[in-house]
C-alpha cells in the first residue's frame, strides 16, 4: 500500500466511514444491466438529474472515465433506522453519506490528486436539480452515483468481503473516490 493510499484510508476512518477499502479500477466494469436499472427510473431521478442516466453520459464514456483513475477508496456506511419504513431516516442517511463523499473528495484533491467522487443515488446537492431546463448550478459539487456509472454495488461490496444488507433496521450506502 502506498503512503497516499494509507493517508486516504485514514481520512475515511477519521470521517467516520463504516468501511473503507482500496479499489483498483482495472477490476471495475460498467455494466449495461445496471444502467438499464437506473433508466427504469425507480427513484424518479432518471432524466431529471444531471448526474443520473441518461444525462451523466453513455456507458463507454463512463467506463473510460472510471478507468482514467487507476486507484480508489470504496466507502460503505451503515446507518440505523427506526424501522423498515423509516424513509425519512433513509433519506437523511443518504444525504449524510453523500456529504461525507464530498468532504473526502475535497480532502483527496487537496492532497494534490485528481479525483472522481461517486456517491449513492443521484446528486442531492440542490434541493431541486435544474435538469433539464437549465445547466447544473454547482458542477463542482455535483456527484454521480456508483450505479449511475454502471457499477453493480452488490457485487462491488460482496466481492470485497462486505455485506450488501447489514441487518434489520439499517440502511447501507456505498460510494467511491477514485484518484490519480
Protein backbone atom coordinates (compact mmCIF):
# COMPACT_ATOMS: atom_id res chain seq x y z
CA UNK A 1 0.00 0.00 0.00
CA UNK A 2 1.33 3.42 -0.91
CA UNK A 3 1.66 6.20 1.64
CA UNK A 4 -1.03 8.13 -0.26
CA UNK A 5 -3.50 5.22 -0.12
CA UNK A 6 -2.80 4.82 3.59
CA UNK A 7 -3.40 8.55 4.12
CA UNK A 8 -6.72 8.37 2.24
CA UNK A 9 -7.87 5.37 4.28
CA UNK A 10 -7.04 7.38 7.42
CA UNK A 11 -9.14 10.29 6.10
CA UNK A 12 -12.08 7.93 5.59
CA UNK A 13 -11.67 6.44 9.06
CA UNK A 14 -11.47 9.92 10.63
CA UNK A 15 -14.63 10.93 8.74
CA UNK A 16 -16.46 8.03 10.36
CA UNK A 17 -16.77 5.65 7.40
CA UNK A 18 -18.09 2.27 8.50
CA UNK A 19 -15.82 0.53 5.95
CA UNK A 20 -13.11 1.90 3.68
CA UNK A 21 -11.26 -0.37 1.26
CA UNK A 22 -8.78 0.13 -1.54
CA UNK A 23 -10.05 -0.42 -5.08
CA UNK A 24 -8.11 -0.73 -8.31
CA UNK A 25 -10.26 0.44 -11.20
CA UNK A 26 -8.78 -2.16 -13.55
CA UNK A 27 -11.16 -4.54 -11.71
CA UNK A 28 -14.25 -2.40 -12.43
CA UNK A 29 -16.60 -2.79 -15.39
CA UNK A 30 -19.53 -0.57 -16.18
CA UNK A 31 -22.48 -2.84 -16.98
CA UNK A 32 -25.40 -2.14 -19.28
CA UNK A 33 -27.81 -4.02 -16.97
CA UNK A 34 -27.05 -1.65 -14.09
CA UNK A 35 -27.50 1.38 -16.32
CA UNK A 36 -30.80 -0.07 -17.58
CA UNK A 37 -31.97 -0.42 -13.97
CA UNK A 38 -31.22 3.29 -13.47
CA UNK A 39 -33.09 4.15 -16.65
CA UNK A 40 -36.12 2.20 -15.36
CA UNK A 41 -36.38 5.20 -13.01
CA UNK A 42 -37.48 3.57 -9.75
CA UNK A 43 -36.01 6.53 -7.85
CA UNK A 44 -37.58 9.18 -10.08
CA UNK A 45 -34.28 10.92 -10.94
CA UNK A 46 -33.56 9.46 -14.39
CA UNK A 47 -33.69 12.31 -16.88
CA UNK A 48 -34.36 14.76 -14.03
CA UNK A 49 -30.88 14.92 -12.53
CA UNK A 50 -27.71 15.94 -14.37
CA UNK A 51 -25.70 13.15 -12.71
CA UNK A 52 -28.11 10.31 -13.50
CA UNK A 53 -28.59 8.32 -16.70
CA UNK A 54 -29.08 9.29 -19.42
CA UNK A 55 -27.63 12.76 -18.69
CA UNK A 56 -24.46 11.53 -16.96
CA UNK A 57 -23.17 10.04 -20.22
CA UNK A 58 -23.16 6.89 -22.29
CA UNK A 59 -21.73 3.66 -20.89
CA UNK A 60 -18.48 3.63 -22.95
CA UNK A 61 -17.76 7.21 -21.85
CA UNK A 62 -18.47 6.35 -18.21
CA UNK A 63 -16.27 3.26 -18.37
CA UNK A 64 -13.45 5.39 -19.84
CA UNK A 65 -13.88 7.97 -17.05
CA UNK A 66 -13.71 5.22 -14.42
CA UNK A 67 -10.51 3.82 -15.84
CA UNK A 68 -8.87 7.24 -16.12
CA UNK A 69 -8.44 6.98 -12.33
CA UNK A 70 -6.41 3.84 -11.52
CA UNK A 71 -6.97 3.82 -7.76
CA UNK A 72 -9.82 4.40 -5.38
CA UNK A 73 -11.27 4.04 -1.94
CA UNK A 74 -14.61 2.27 -1.58
CA UNK A 75 -16.68 3.73 1.27
CA UNK A 76 -19.59 1.86 2.83
CA UNK A 77 -21.63 3.46 5.58
CA UNK A 78 -24.25 1.61 7.62
CA UNK A 79 -26.90 3.72 9.31
CA UNK A 80 -29.51 2.73 11.91
CA UNK A 81 -33.19 3.21 11.14
CA UNK A 82 -36.19 3.39 13.44
CA UNK A 83 -37.86 0.61 11.46
CA UNK A 84 -38.08 -0.81 7.94
CA UNK A 85 -40.43 2.01 6.90
CA UNK A 86 -38.20 4.87 8.09
CA UNK A 87 -37.97 6.56 4.69
CA UNK A 88 -37.04 9.89 6.28
CA UNK A 89 -34.13 8.18 8.05
CA UNK A 90 -33.05 6.58 4.78
CA UNK A 91 -33.07 9.95 3.02
CA UNK A 92 -31.14 11.62 5.87
CA UNK A 93 -28.59 8.78 5.82
CA UNK A 94 -28.11 9.07 2.05
CA UNK A 95 -27.58 12.81 2.38
CA UNK A 96 -25.06 12.29 5.23
CA UNK A 97 -23.23 9.66 3.17
CA UNK A 98 -23.03 11.98 0.15
CA UNK A 99 -21.77 14.85 2.33
CA UNK A 100 -19.00 12.53 3.55
CA UNK A 101 -18.08 11.62 -0.03
CA UNK A 102 -17.92 15.33 -0.97
CA UNK A 103 -15.75 16.12 2.05
CA UNK A 104 -13.40 13.21 1.42
CA UNK A 105 -13.19 14.08 -2.28
CA UNK A 106 -12.13 17.61 -1.32
CA UNK A 107 -9.51 16.25 1.10
CA UNK A 108 -8.10 13.93 -1.56
CA UNK A 109 -7.97 16.79 -4.07
CA UNK A 110 -6.22 18.99 -1.51
CA UNK A 111 -3.53 16.29 -1.32
CA UNK A 112 -2.74 17.04 -4.95
CA UNK A 113 -4.54 14.28 -6.83
CA UNK A 114 -7.30 14.40 -9.43
CA UNK A 115 -10.47 12.79 -8.09
CA UNK A 116 -13.73 11.32 -9.32
CA UNK A 117 -16.07 11.05 -6.33
CA UNK A 118 -19.09 8.76 -6.76
CA UNK A 119 -21.88 8.65 -4.20
CA UNK A 120 -25.23 6.95 -3.71
CA UNK A 121 -28.31 7.85 -5.71
CA UNK A 122 -28.33 10.88 -7.93
CA UNK A 123 -26.78 14.14 -6.83
CA UNK A 124 -28.56 15.70 -3.87
CA UNK A 125 -26.57 18.92 -3.52
CA UNK A 126 -29.51 21.10 -4.57
CA UNK A 127 -32.97 20.73 -3.12
CA UNK A 128 -34.25 20.59 -6.71
CA UNK A 129 -31.97 19.83 -9.64
CA UNK A 130 -32.06 22.36 -12.50
CA UNK A 131 -32.24 19.49 -15.01
CA UNK A 132 -33.37 19.55 -17.78
CA UNK A 133 -34.23 23.24 -18.15
CA UNK A 134 -31.01 24.90 -17.01
CA UNK A 135 -27.36 23.86 -16.65
CA UNK A 136 -26.13 22.47 -13.34
CA UNK A 137 -25.78 25.38 -10.89
CA UNK A 138 -22.97 23.77 -8.89
CA UNK A 139 -20.97 21.39 -11.11
CA UNK A 140 -18.05 21.48 -8.66
CA UNK A 141 -20.33 19.86 -6.04
CA UNK A 142 -22.32 17.53 -8.30
CA UNK A 143 -21.95 13.83 -7.54
CA UNK A 144 -22.86 10.98 -9.83
CA UNK A 145 -23.68 7.66 -8.25
CA UNK A 146 -21.80 4.39 -8.34
CA UNK A 147 -24.86 2.83 -10.00
CA UNK A 148 -25.21 5.72 -12.45
CA UNK A 149 -21.75 4.80 -13.70
CA UNK A 150 -22.99 1.26 -14.35
CA UNK A 151 -21.33 -0.44 -11.39
CA UNK A 152 -23.11 -3.25 -9.56
CA UNK A 153 -22.96 -2.14 -5.91
CA UNK A 154 -23.91 -5.55 -4.50
CA UNK A 155 -21.08 -7.25 -6.40
CA UNK A 156 -18.70 -4.42 -5.58
CA UNK A 157 -19.11 -4.82 -1.82
CA UNK A 158 -19.59 -8.58 -1.68
CA UNK A 159 -16.50 -9.23 -3.83
CA UNK A 160 -14.57 -7.38 -1.13
CA UNK A 161 -15.99 -9.35 1.80
CA UNK A 162 -18.61 -6.81 2.88
CA UNK A 163 -22.35 -7.31 3.18
CA UNK A 164 -24.81 -5.53 0.94
CA UNK A 165 -27.58 -5.85 3.54
CA UNK A 166 -26.41 -5.25 7.09
CA UNK A 167 -29.26 -6.23 9.35
CA UNK A 168 -32.74 -5.30 10.38
CA UNK A 169 -33.46 -1.60 10.74
CA UNK A 170 -30.32 -0.47 8.93
CA UNK A 171 -29.57 1.03 5.56
CA UNK A 172 -26.21 0.78 3.81
CA UNK A 173 -24.84 3.22 1.25
CA UNK A 174 -21.77 2.89 -0.93
CA UNK A 175 -19.60 5.48 -2.61
CA UNK A 176 -16.10 5.66 -4.03
CA UNK A 177 -13.47 8.24 -4.50
CA UNK A 178 -11.30 7.37 -7.48
CA UNK A 179 -7.98 9.16 -7.82
CA UNK A 180 -4.86 9.54 -9.93
